[in-house]
Amino acid sequence: MADLLVRGIDDELVRALKERAGIHGRSAEAEHREILASALQRPRRKSFAQVLAAMPDVGLDADFERAEAIEKPSRVFD
């Protein structure tokens, strides 16, 4: 595993990091690792089935039926 050294951090950020670490019961170093991991890890891709299942119900199937034209459209490019 690699080491990461970050220099020149504002004192207020360090204080906030230590405070957040205390809230989560971790060391400042462990909190820093958790923040980096959550910010940089890519989310797991959803399957096609999960995407379909997440689509909202937006109406009845009849709402999306193709309406047949009563008259033929005019020929615009003749």
Protein backbone atom coordinates (compact mmCIF):
# COMPACT_ATOMS: atom_id res chain seq x y z
CA MET A 1 0.00 0.00 0.00
CA ALA A 2 1.25 3.49 -0.83
CA ASP A 3 1.69 6.42 1.54
CA LEU A 4 0.28 9.87 0.85
CA LEU A 5 1.63 13.04 2.44
CA VAL A 6 -0.42 16.22 2.08
CA ARG A 7 1.32 19.47 2.96
CA GLY A 8 0.00 22.99 3.38
CA ILE A 9 -3.44 22.12 4.73
CA ASP A 10 -5.33 24.98 6.38
CA ASP A 11 -5.51 24.62 10.17
CA GLU A 12 -9.31 24.92 10.05
CA LEU A 13 -9.52 21.93 7.68
CA VAL A 14 -7.31 19.86 9.98
CA ARG A 15 -9.52 20.78 12.93
CA ALA A 16 -12.65 19.82 10.96
CA LEU A 17 -11.04 16.52 9.94
CA LYS A 18 -10.18 15.67 13.54
CA GLU A 19 -13.68 16.63 14.68
CA ARG A 20 -15.28 14.48 11.99
CA ALA A 21 -12.96 11.60 12.85
CA GLY A 22 -13.98 11.85 16.50
CA ILE A 23 -17.65 11.73 15.58
CA HIS A 24 -17.04 8.53 13.60
CA GLY A 25 -14.75 7.03 16.25
CA ARG A 26 -11.71 6.95 13.96
CA SER A 27 -8.29 8.49 13.86
CA ALA A 28 -7.75 11.53 11.65
CA GLU A 29 -5.70 9.34 9.32
CA ALA A 30 -8.46 6.73 9.03
CA GLU A 31 -11.03 9.48 8.43
CA HIS A 32 -8.81 10.94 5.72
CA ARG A 33 -8.61 7.53 4.02
CA GLU A 34 -12.40 7.15 4.21
CA ILE A 35 -13.00 10.60 2.71
CA LEU A 36 -10.57 9.90 -0.16
CA ALA A 37 -12.09 6.49 -0.85
CA SER A 38 -15.67 7.78 -0.89
CA ALA A 39 -14.74 10.72 -3.12
CA LEU A 40 -12.69 8.76 -5.65
CA GLN A 41 -14.20 5.29 -5.92
CA ARG A 42 -16.50 4.85 -8.87
CA PRO A 43 -20.05 3.79 -8.12
CA ARG A 44 -21.00 0.24 -9.05
CA ARG A 45 -22.73 0.09 -12.41
CA LYS A 46 -26.40 -0.82 -12.37
CA SER A 47 -27.65 -3.71 -14.45
CA PHE A 48 -30.14 -3.07 -17.25
CA ALA A 49 -32.83 -4.75 -15.16
CA GLN A 50 -32.12 -2.38 -12.24
CA VAL A 51 -32.36 0.65 -14.53
CA LEU A 52 -35.68 -0.56 -15.95
CA ALA A 53 -37.06 -1.31 -12.49
CA ALA A 54 -36.13 2.21 -11.34
CA MET A 55 -38.13 3.90 -14.11
CA PRO A 56 -41.20 5.69 -12.78
CA ASP A 57 -44.71 4.71 -13.81
CA VAL A 58 -45.67 7.62 -16.03
CA GLY A 59 -49.01 6.57 -17.41
CA LEU A 60 -51.03 3.92 -19.15
CA ASP A 61 -49.84 2.00 -22.19
CA ALA A 62 -52.71 3.58 -24.14
CA ASP A 63 -51.10 6.99 -23.55
CA PHE A 64 -48.23 5.93 -25.77
CA GLU A 65 -50.13 4.28 -28.63
CA ARG A 66 -49.49 5.66 -32.08
CA ALA A 67 -52.38 7.72 -33.38
CA GLU A 68 -53.17 7.06 -37.02
CA ALA A 69 -53.35 10.17 -39.15
CA ILE A 70 -56.84 10.82 -40.54
CA GLU A 71 -55.54 12.63 -43.60
CA LYS A 72 -52.28 12.30 -45.44
CA PRO A 73 -49.68 14.94 -44.64
CA SER A 74 -49.15 17.55 -47.31
CA ARG A 75 -46.20 17.05 -49.61
CA VAL A 76 -43.85 19.79 -48.54
CA PHE A 77 -40.94 19.17 -50.92
CA ASP A 78 -42.75 18.66 -54.24
